[in-house]
Amino acid sequence: ATYTLAAKRMLERGHAPEPVMAAAFGTGALLLAPVLALG
């Protein structure tokens, strides 16, 4: 729900779906990088 509200806010402001998804999931991947490094 948190992700959906944030993404919808960006889409409502006129940003295209591709950069919105790329920013959200690219940054999310960076946040999860320690899991891959240490797991």
ModelCIF file with pLDDT and N, C-alpha, C, O atoms, coordinates in Angstrom:
data_MODEL
#
_entry.id   MODEL 
#
_entity.id                         1 
_entity.type                       polymer 
_entity.pdbx_number_of_molecules   1 
#
_entity_poly.entity_id                      1 
_entity_poly.type                           'polypeptide(L)' 
_entity_poly.nstd_linkage                   no 
_entity_poly.nstd_monomer                   no 
_entity_poly.pdbx_seq_one_letter_code       ATYTLAAKRMLERGHAPEPVMAAAFGTGALLLAPVLALG 
_entity_poly.pdbx_seq_one_letter_code_can   ATYTLAAKRMLERGHAPEPVMAAAFGTGALLLAPVLALG 
_entity_poly.pdbx_strand_id                 A 
#
loop_
_entity_poly_seq.entity_id 
_entity_poly_seq.num 
_entity_poly_seq.mon_id 
_entity_poly_seq.hetero 
1 1  ALA n 
1 2  THR n 
1 3  TYR n 
1 4  THR n 
1 5  LEU n 
1 6  ALA n 
1 7  ALA n 
1 8  LYS n 
1 9  ARG n 
1 10 MET n 
1 11 LEU n 
1 12 GLU n 
1 13 ARG n 
1 14 GLY n 
1 15 HIS n 
1 16 ALA n 
1 17 PRO n 
1 18 GLU n 
1 19 PRO n 
1 20 VAL n 
1 21 MET n 
1 22 ALA n 
1 23 ALA n 
1 24 ALA n 
1 25 PHE n 
1 26 GLY n 
1 27 THR n 
1 28 GLY n 
1 29 ALA n 
1 30 LEU n 
1 31 LEU n 
1 32 LEU n 
1 33 ALA n 
1 34 PRO n 
1 35 VAL n 
1 36 LEU n 
1 37 ALA n 
1 38 LEU n 
1 39 GLY n 
#
_struct_asym.id          A 
_struct_asym.entity_id   1 
#
loop_
_ma_qa_metric.id 
_ma_qa_metric.mode 
_ma_qa_metric.name 
_ma_qa_metric.software_group_id 
_ma_qa_metric.type 
1 global pLDDT . pLDDT 
2 local  pLDDT . pLDDT 
#
_ma_qa_metric_global.metric_id      1 
_ma_qa_metric_global.metric_value   90.13 
_ma_qa_metric_global.model_id       1 
_ma_qa_metric_global.ordinal_id     1 
#
loop_
_ma_qa_metric_local.label_asym_id 
_ma_qa_metric_local.label_comp_id 
_ma_qa_metric_local.label_seq_id 
_ma_qa_metric_local.metric_id 
_ma_qa_metric_local.metric_value 
_ma_qa_metric_local.model_id 
_ma_qa_metric_local.ordinal_id 
A ALA 1  2 86.00 1 1  
A THR 2  2 89.00 1 2  
A TYR 3  2 88.00 1 3  
A THR 4  2 84.00 1 4  
A LEU 5  2 86.00 1 5  
A ALA 6  2 89.00 1 6  
A ALA 7  2 87.00 1 7  
A LYS 8  2 83.00 1 8  
A ARG 9  2 85.00 1 9  
A MET 10 2 90.00 1 10 
A LEU 11 2 86.00 1 11 
A GLU 12 2 83.00 1 12 
A ARG 13 2 87.00 1 13 
A GLY 14 2 85.00 1 14 
A HIS 15 2 89.00 1 15 
A ALA 16 2 88.00 1 16 
A PRO 17 2 89.00 1 17 
A GLU 18 2 89.00 1 18 
A PRO 19 2 91.00 1 19 
A VAL 20 2 91.00 1 20 
A MET 21 2 92.00 1 21 
A ALA 22 2 93.00 1 22 
A ALA 23 2 94.00 1 23 
A ALA 24 2 94.00 1 24 
A PHE 25 2 94.00 1 25 
A GLY 26 2 94.00 1 26 
A THR 27 2 95.00 1 27 
A GLY 28 2 94.00 1 28 
A ALA 29 2 94.00 1 29 
A LEU 30 2 94.00 1 30 
A LEU 31 2 94.00 1 31 
A LEU 32 2 93.00 1 32 
A ALA 33 2 94.00 1 33 
A PRO 34 2 94.00 1 34 
A VAL 35 2 92.00 1 35 
A LEU 36 2 92.00 1 36 
A ALA 37 2 92.00 1 37 
A LEU 38 2 91.00 1 38 
A GLY 39 2 90.00 1 39 
#
loop_
_atom_site.group_PDB 
_atom_site.id 
_atom_site.type_symbol 
_atom_site.label_atom_id 
_atom_site.label_alt_id 
_atom_site.label_comp_id 
_atom_site.label_asym_id 
_atom_site.label_entity_id 
_atom_site.label_seq_id 
_atom_site.pdbx_PDB_ins_code 
_atom_site.Cartn_x 
_atom_site.Cartn_y 
_atom_site.Cartn_z 
_atom_site.occupancy 
_atom_site.B_iso_or_equiv 
_atom_site.pdbx_formal_charge 
_atom_site.auth_seq_id 
_atom_site.auth_comp_id 
_atom_site.auth_asym_id 
_atom_site.auth_atom_id 
_atom_site.pdbx_PDB_model_num 
ATOM 1   N N  . ALA A 1 1  ? 0.831  -1.204  0.000   1.00 86.00 ? 1  ALA A N  1 
ATOM 2   C CA . ALA A 1 1  ? 0.000  0.000   0.000   1.00 86.00 ? 1  ALA A CA 1 
ATOM 3   C C  . ALA A 1 1  ? 0.868  1.258   0.000   1.00 86.00 ? 1  ALA A C  1 
ATOM 4   O O  . ALA A 1 1  ? 0.558  2.229   -0.690  1.00 86.00 ? 1  ALA A O  1 
ATOM 5   N N  . THR A 1 2  ? 1.950  1.240   0.769   1.00 89.00 ? 2  THR A N  1 
ATOM 6   C CA . THR A 1 2  ? 2.857  2.384   0.834   1.00 89.00 ? 2  THR A CA 1 
ATOM 7   C C  . THR A 1 2  ? 3.474  2.656   -0.528  1.00 89.00 ? 2  THR A C  1 
ATOM 8   O O  . THR A 1 2  ? 3.515  3.799   -0.985  1.00 89.00 ? 2  THR A O  1 
ATOM 9   N N  . TYR A 1 3  ? 3.954  1.598   -1.173  1.00 88.00 ? 3  TYR A N  1 
ATOM 10  C CA . TYR A 1 3  ? 4.537  1.751   -2.505  1.00 88.00 ? 3  TYR A CA 1 
ATOM 11  C C  . TYR A 1 3  ? 3.507  2.297   -3.497  1.00 88.00 ? 3  TYR A C  1 
ATOM 12  O O  . TYR A 1 3  ? 3.811  3.193   -4.284  1.00 88.00 ? 3  TYR A O  1 
ATOM 13  N N  . THR A 1 4  ? 2.288  1.752   -3.456  1.00 84.00 ? 4  THR A N  1 
ATOM 14  C CA . THR A 1 4  ? 1.262  2.159   -4.403  1.00 84.00 ? 4  THR A CA 1 
ATOM 15  C C  . THR A 1 4  ? 0.917  3.633   -4.267  1.00 84.00 ? 4  THR A C  1 
ATOM 16  O O  . THR A 1 4  ? 0.789  4.334   -5.271  1.00 84.00 ? 4  THR A O  1 
ATOM 17  N N  . LEU A 1 5  ? 0.765  4.114   -3.038  1.00 86.00 ? 5  LEU A N  1 
ATOM 18  C CA . LEU A 1 5  ? 0.431  5.521   -2.824  1.00 86.00 ? 5  LEU A CA 1 
ATOM 19  C C  . LEU A 1 5  ? 1.545  6.437   -3.327  1.00 86.00 ? 5  LEU A C  1 
ATOM 20  O O  . LEU A 1 5  ? 1.273  7.466   -3.946  1.00 86.00 ? 5  LEU A O  1 
ATOM 21  N N  . ALA A 1 6  ? 2.795  6.063   -3.062  1.00 89.00 ? 6  ALA A N  1 
ATOM 22  C CA . ALA A 1 6  ? 3.909  6.896   -3.509  1.00 89.00 ? 6  ALA A CA 1 
ATOM 23  C C  . ALA A 1 6  ? 4.006  6.902   -5.034  1.00 89.00 ? 6  ALA A C  1 
ATOM 24  O O  . ALA A 1 6  ? 4.227  7.950   -5.641  1.00 89.00 ? 6  ALA A O  1 
ATOM 25  N N  . ALA A 1 7  ? 3.842  5.731   -5.652  1.00 87.00 ? 7  ALA A N  1 
ATOM 26  C CA . ALA A 1 7  ? 3.907  5.667   -7.113  1.00 87.00 ? 7  ALA A CA 1 
ATOM 27  C C  . ALA A 1 7  ? 2.754  6.441   -7.749  1.00 87.00 ? 7  ALA A C  1 
ATOM 28  O O  . ALA A 1 7  ? 2.944  7.137   -8.746  1.00 87.00 ? 7  ALA A O  1 
ATOM 29  N N  . LYS A 1 8  ? 1.558  6.316   -7.170  1.00 83.00 ? 8  LYS A N  1 
ATOM 30  C CA . LYS A 1 8  ? 0.410  7.031   -7.725  1.00 83.00 ? 8  LYS A CA 1 
ATOM 31  C C  . LYS A 1 8  ? 0.608  8.531   -7.622  1.00 83.00 ? 8  LYS A C  1 
ATOM 32  O O  . LYS A 1 8  ? 0.218  9.272   -8.525  1.00 83.00 ? 8  LYS A O  1 
ATOM 33  N N  . ARG A 1 9  ? 1.212  8.990   -6.529  1.00 85.00 ? 9  ARG A N  1 
ATOM 34  C CA . ARG A 1 9  ? 1.492  10.422  -6.394  1.00 85.00 ? 9  ARG A CA 1 
ATOM 35  C C  . ARG A 1 9  ? 2.376  10.905  -7.544  1.00 85.00 ? 9  ARG A C  1 
ATOM 36  O O  . ARG A 1 9  ? 2.119  11.960  -8.124  1.00 85.00 ? 9  ARG A O  1 
ATOM 37  N N  . MET A 1 10 ? 3.411  10.139  -7.873  1.00 90.00 ? 10 MET A N  1 
ATOM 38  C CA . MET A 1 10 ? 4.303  10.546  -8.957  1.00 90.00 ? 10 MET A CA 1 
ATOM 39  C C  . MET A 1 10 ? 3.616  10.482  -10.311 1.00 90.00 ? 10 MET A C  1 
ATOM 40  O O  . MET A 1 10 ? 3.828  11.356  -11.151 1.00 90.00 ? 10 MET A O  1 
ATOM 41  N N  . LEU A 1 11 ? 2.789  9.454   -10.538 1.00 86.00 ? 11 LEU A N  1 
ATOM 42  C CA . LEU A 1 11 ? 2.070  9.348   -11.801 1.00 86.00 ? 11 LEU A CA 1 
ATOM 43  C C  . LEU A 1 11 ? 1.065  10.482  -11.959 1.00 86.00 ? 11 LEU A C  1 
ATOM 44  O O  . LEU A 1 11 ? 0.901  11.019  -13.055 1.00 86.00 ? 11 LEU A O  1 
ATOM 45  N N  . GLU A 1 12 ? 0.387  10.852  -10.864 1.00 83.00 ? 12 GLU A N  1 
ATOM 46  C CA . GLU A 1 12 ? -0.582 11.942  -10.918 1.00 83.00 ? 12 GLU A CA 1 
ATOM 47  C C  . GLU A 1 12 ? 0.081  13.273  -11.249 1.00 83.00 ? 12 GLU A C  1 
ATOM 48  O O  . GLU A 1 12 ? -0.566 14.178  -11.775 1.00 83.00 ? 12 GLU A O  1 
ATOM 49  N N  . ARG A 1 13 ? 1.340  13.391  -10.949 1.00 87.00 ? 13 ARG A N  1 
ATOM 50  C CA . ARG A 1 13 ? 2.067  14.619  -11.224 1.00 87.00 ? 13 ARG A CA 1 
ATOM 51  C C  . ARG A 1 13 ? 2.670  14.635  -12.623 1.00 87.00 ? 13 ARG A C  1 
ATOM 52  O O  . ARG A 1 13 ? 3.445  15.529  -12.961 1.00 87.00 ? 13 ARG A O  1 
ATOM 53  N N  . GLY A 1 14 ? 2.312  13.646  -13.434 1.00 85.00 ? 14 GLY A N  1 
ATOM 54  C CA . GLY A 1 14 ? 2.674  13.666  -14.844 1.00 85.00 ? 14 GLY A CA 1 
ATOM 55  C C  . GLY A 1 14 ? 3.922  12.914  -15.223 1.00 85.00 ? 14 GLY A C  1 
ATOM 56  O O  . GLY A 1 14 ? 4.317  12.945  -16.389 1.00 85.00 ? 14 GLY A O  1 
ATOM 57  N N  . HIS A 1 15 ? 4.560  12.238  -14.290 1.00 89.00 ? 15 HIS A N  1 
ATOM 58  C CA . HIS A 1 15 ? 5.753  11.466  -14.627 1.00 89.00 ? 15 HIS A CA 1 
ATOM 59  C C  . HIS A 1 15 ? 5.339  10.178  -15.358 1.00 89.00 ? 15 HIS A C  1 
ATOM 60  O O  . HIS A 1 15 ? 4.306  9.584   -15.050 1.00 89.00 ? 15 HIS A O  1 
ATOM 61  N N  . ALA A 1 16 ? 6.149  9.767   -16.312 1.00 88.00 ? 16 ALA A N  1 
ATOM 62  C CA . ALA A 1 16 ? 5.862  8.564   -17.085 1.00 88.00 ? 16 ALA A CA 1 
ATOM 63  C C  . ALA A 1 16 ? 6.073  7.310   -16.239 1.00 88.00 ? 16 ALA A C  1 
ATOM 64  O O  . ALA A 1 16 ? 6.873  7.322   -15.304 1.00 88.00 ? 16 ALA A O  1 
ATOM 65  N N  . PRO A 1 17 ? 5.360  6.226   -16.562 1.00 89.00 ? 17 PRO A N  1 
ATOM 66  C CA . PRO A 1 17 ? 5.483  4.999   -15.755 1.00 89.00 ? 17 PRO A CA 1 
ATOM 67  C C  . PRO A 1 17 ? 6.892  4.433   -15.702 1.00 89.00 ? 17 PRO A C  1 
ATOM 68  O O  . PRO A 1 17 ? 7.325  3.963   -14.650 1.00 89.00 ? 17 PRO A O  1 
ATOM 69  N N  . GLU A 1 18 ? 7.622  4.468   -16.826 1.00 89.00 ? 18 GLU A N  1 
ATOM 70  C CA . GLU A 1 18 ? 8.931  3.824   -16.865 1.00 89.00 ? 18 GLU A CA 1 
ATOM 71  C C  . GLU A 1 18 ? 9.937  4.450   -15.890 1.00 89.00 ? 18 GLU A C  1 
ATOM 72  O O  . GLU A 1 18 ? 10.558 3.718   -15.119 1.00 89.00 ? 18 GLU A O  1 
ATOM 73  N N  . PRO A 1 19 ? 10.121 5.785   -15.897 1.00 91.00 ? 19 PRO A N  1 
ATOM 74  C CA . PRO A 1 19 ? 11.062 6.339   -14.911 1.00 91.00 ? 19 PRO A CA 1 
ATOM 75  C C  . PRO A 1 19 ? 10.592 6.195   -13.472 1.00 91.00 ? 19 PRO A C  1 
ATOM 76  O O  . PRO A 1 19 ? 11.417 6.059   -12.568 1.00 91.00 ? 19 PRO A O  1 
ATOM 77  N N  . VAL A 1 20 ? 9.281  6.222   -13.241 1.00 91.00 ? 20 VAL A N  1 
ATOM 78  C CA . VAL A 1 20 ? 8.767  6.035   -11.886 1.00 91.00 ? 20 VAL A CA 1 
ATOM 79  C C  . VAL A 1 20 ? 9.115  4.633   -11.383 1.00 91.00 ? 20 VAL A C  1 
ATOM 80  O O  . VAL A 1 20 ? 9.622  4.472   -10.273 1.00 91.00 ? 20 VAL A O  1 
ATOM 81  N N  . MET A 1 21 ? 8.837  3.622   -12.209 1.00 92.00 ? 21 MET A N  1 
ATOM 82  C CA . MET A 1 21 ? 9.142  2.253   -11.813 1.00 92.00 ? 21 MET A CA 1 
ATOM 83  C C  . MET A 1 21 ? 10.651 2.028   -11.686 1.00 92.00 ? 21 MET A C  1 
ATOM 84  O O  . MET A 1 21 ? 11.110 1.338   -10.775 1.00 92.00 ? 21 MET A O  1 
ATOM 85  N N  . ALA A 1 22 ? 11.414 2.618   -12.607 1.00 93.00 ? 22 ALA A N  1 
ATOM 86  C CA . ALA A 1 22 ? 12.868 2.445   -12.559 1.00 93.00 ? 22 ALA A CA 1 
ATOM 87  C C  . ALA A 1 22 ? 13.451 3.049   -11.287 1.00 93.00 ? 22 ALA A C  1 
ATOM 88  O O  . ALA A 1 22 ? 14.318 2.448   -10.654 1.00 93.00 ? 22 ALA A O  1 
ATOM 89  N N  . ALA A 1 23 ? 12.979 4.235   -10.908 1.00 94.00 ? 23 ALA A N  1 
ATOM 90  C CA . ALA A 1 23 ? 13.500 4.881   -9.706  1.00 94.00 ? 23 ALA A CA 1 
ATOM 91  C C  . ALA A 1 23 ? 13.126 4.103   -8.457  1.00 94.00 ? 23 ALA A C  1 
ATOM 92  O O  . ALA A 1 23 ? 13.964 3.900   -7.578  1.00 94.00 ? 23 ALA A O  1 
ATOM 93  N N  . ALA A 1 24 ? 11.869 3.662   -8.367  1.00 94.00 ? 24 ALA A N  1 
ATOM 94  C CA . ALA A 1 24 ? 11.414 2.946   -7.178  1.00 94.00 ? 24 ALA A CA 1 
ATOM 95  C C  . ALA A 1 24 ? 12.134 1.611   -7.021  1.00 94.00 ? 24 ALA A C  1 
ATOM 96  O O  . ALA A 1 24 ? 12.608 1.279   -5.934  1.00 94.00 ? 24 ALA A O  1 
ATOM 97  N N  . PHE A 1 25 ? 12.215 0.850   -8.104  1.00 94.00 ? 25 PHE A N  1 
ATOM 98  C CA . PHE A 1 25 ? 12.793 -0.487  -7.995  1.00 94.00 ? 25 PHE A CA 1 
ATOM 99  C C  . PHE A 1 25 ? 14.319 -0.460  -8.048  1.00 94.00 ? 25 PHE A C  1 
ATOM 100 O O  . PHE A 1 25 ? 14.972 -1.311  -7.445  1.00 94.00 ? 25 PHE A O  1 
ATOM 101 N N  . GLY A 1 26 ? 14.893 0.510   -8.764  1.00 94.00 ? 26 GLY A N  1 
ATOM 102 C CA . GLY A 1 26 ? 16.343 0.633   -8.740  1.00 94.00 ? 26 GLY A CA 1 
ATOM 103 C C  . GLY A 1 26 ? 16.850 1.002   -7.356  1.00 94.00 ? 26 GLY A C  1 
ATOM 104 O O  . GLY A 1 26 ? 17.837 0.443   -6.877  1.00 94.00 ? 26 GLY A O  1 
ATOM 105 N N  . THR A 1 27 ? 16.163 1.957   -6.708  1.00 95.00 ? 27 THR A N  1 
ATOM 106 C CA . THR A 1 27 ? 16.545 2.335   -5.348  1.00 95.00 ? 27 THR A CA 1 
ATOM 107 C C  . THR A 1 27 ? 16.248 1.203   -4.373  1.00 95.00 ? 27 THR A C  1 
ATOM 108 O O  . THR A 1 27 ? 17.023 0.948   -3.452  1.00 95.00 ? 27 THR A O  1 
ATOM 109 N N  . GLY A 1 28 ? 15.123 0.528   -4.579  1.00 94.00 ? 28 GLY A N  1 
ATOM 110 C CA . GLY A 1 28 ? 14.804 -0.620  -3.733  1.00 94.00 ? 28 GLY A CA 1 
ATOM 111 C C  . GLY A 1 28 ? 15.866 -1.706  -3.825  1.00 94.00 ? 28 GLY A C  1 
ATOM 112 O O  . GLY A 1 28 ? 16.193 -2.347  -2.826  1.00 94.00 ? 28 GLY A O  1 
ATOM 113 N N  . ALA A 1 29 ? 16.405 -1.912  -5.023  1.00 94.00 ? 29 ALA A N  1 
ATOM 114 C CA . ALA A 1 29 ? 17.471 -2.906  -5.198  1.00 94.00 ? 29 ALA A CA 1 
ATOM 115 C C  . ALA A 1 29 ? 18.713 -2.519  -4.411  1.00 94.00 ? 29 ALA A C  1 
ATOM 116 O O  . ALA A 1 29 ? 19.372 -3.377  -3.824  1.00 94.00 ? 29 ALA A O  1 
ATOM 117 N N  . LEU A 1 30 ? 19.035 -1.229  -4.395  1.00 94.00 ? 30 LEU A N  1 
ATOM 118 C CA . LEU A 1 30 ? 20.183 -0.764  -3.615  1.00 94.00 ? 30 LEU A CA 1 
ATOM 119 C C  . LEU A 1 30 ? 19.972 -1.000  -2.119  1.00 94.00 ? 30 LEU A C  1 
ATOM 120 O O  . LEU A 1 30 ? 20.899 -1.378  -1.403  1.00 94.00 ? 30 LEU A O  1 
ATOM 121 N N  . LEU A 1 31 ? 18.732 -0.772  -1.655  1.00 94.00 ? 31 LEU A N  1 
ATOM 122 C CA . LEU A 1 31 ? 18.434 -0.995  -0.243  1.00 94.00 ? 31 LEU A CA 1 
ATOM 123 C C  . LEU A 1 31 ? 18.578 -2.467  0.137   1.00 94.00 ? 31 LEU A C  1 
ATOM 124 O O  . LEU A 1 31 ? 18.934 -2.788  1.271   1.00 94.00 ? 31 LEU A O  1 
ATOM 125 N N  . LEU A 1 32 ? 18.302 -3.350  -0.803  1.00 93.00 ? 32 LEU A N  1 
ATOM 126 C CA . LEU A 1 32 ? 18.375 -4.787  -0.526  1.00 93.00 ? 32 LEU A CA 1 
ATOM 127 C C  . LEU A 1 32 ? 19.728 -5.389  -0.874  1.00 93.00 ? 32 LEU A C  1 
ATOM 128 O O  . LEU A 1 32 ? 19.942 -6.585  -0.675  1.00 93.00 ? 32 LEU A O  1 
ATOM 129 N N  . ALA A 1 33 ? 20.649 -4.570  -1.397  1.00 94.00 ? 33 ALA A N  1 
ATOM 130 C CA . ALA A 1 33 ? 21.971 -5.093  -1.769  1.00 94.00 ? 33 ALA A CA 1 
ATOM 131 C C  . ALA A 1 33 ? 22.697 -5.780  -0.604  1.00 94.00 ? 33 ALA A C  1 
ATOM 132 O O  . ALA A 1 33 ? 23.346 -6.803  -0.821  1.00 94.00 ? 33 ALA A O  1 
ATOM 133 N N  . PRO A 1 34 ? 22.609 -5.247  0.636   1.00 94.00 ? 34 PRO A N  1 
ATOM 134 C CA . PRO A 1 34 ? 23.280 -5.952  1.749   1.00 94.00 ? 34 PRO A CA 1 
ATOM 135 C C  . PRO A 1 34 ? 22.759 -7.375  1.965   1.00 94.00 ? 34 PRO A C  1 
ATOM 136 O O  . PRO A 1 34 ? 23.502 -8.242  2.426   1.00 94.00 ? 34 PRO A O  1 
ATOM 137 N N  . VAL A 1 35 ? 21.497 -7.616  1.637   1.00 92.00 ? 35 VAL A N  1 
ATOM 138 C CA . VAL A 1 35 ? 20.952 -8.969  1.785   1.00 92.00 ? 35 VAL A CA 1 
ATOM 139 C C  . VAL A 1 35 ? 21.693 -9.929  0.863   1.00 92.00 ? 35 VAL A C  1 
ATOM 140 O O  . VAL A 1 35 ? 22.018 -11.049 1.258   1.00 92.00 ? 35 VAL A O  1 
ATOM 141 N N  . LEU A 1 36 ? 21.961 -9.488  -0.371  1.00 92.00 ? 36 LEU A N  1 
ATOM 142 C CA . LEU A 1 36 ? 22.686 -10.337 -1.312  1.00 92.00 ? 36 LEU A CA 1 
ATOM 143 C C  . LEU A 1 36 ? 24.163 -10.446 -0.937  1.00 92.00 ? 36 LEU A C  1 
ATOM 144 O O  . LEU A 1 36 ? 24.794 -11.481 -1.154  1.00 92.00 ? 36 LEU A O  1 
ATOM 145 N N  . ALA A 1 37 ? 24.707 -9.362  -0.370  1.00 92.00 ? 37 ALA A N  1 
ATOM 146 C CA . ALA A 1 37 ? 26.124 -9.374  -0.013  1.00 92.00 ? 37 ALA A CA 1 
ATOM 147 C C  . ALA A 1 37 ? 26.402 -10.244 1.202   1.00 92.00 ? 37 ALA A C  1 
ATOM 148 O O  . ALA A 1 37 ? 27.446 -10.892 1.280   1.00 92.00 ? 37 ALA A O  1 
ATOM 149 N N  . LEU A 1 38 ? 25.472 -10.261 2.149   1.00 91.00 ? 38 LEU A N  1 
ATOM 150 C CA . LEU A 1 38 ? 25.710 -10.958 3.418   1.00 91.00 ? 38 LEU A CA 1 
ATOM 151 C C  . LEU A 1 38 ? 24.932 -12.267 3.554   1.00 91.00 ? 38 LEU A C  1 
ATOM 152 O O  . LEU A 1 38 ? 25.258 -13.096 4.404   1.00 91.00 ? 38 LEU A O  1 
ATOM 153 N N  . GLY A 1 39 ? 23.909 -12.457 2.724   1.00 90.00 ? 39 GLY A N  1 
ATOM 154 C CA . GLY A 1 39 ? 23.065 -13.640 2.869   1.00 90.00 ? 39 GLY A CA 1 
ATOM 155 C C  . GLY A 1 39 ? 23.666 -14.876 2.210   1.00 90.00 ? 39 GLY A C  1 
ATOM 156 O O  . GLY A 1 39 ? 23.067 -15.951 2.250   1.00 90.00 ? 39 GLY A O  1 
#
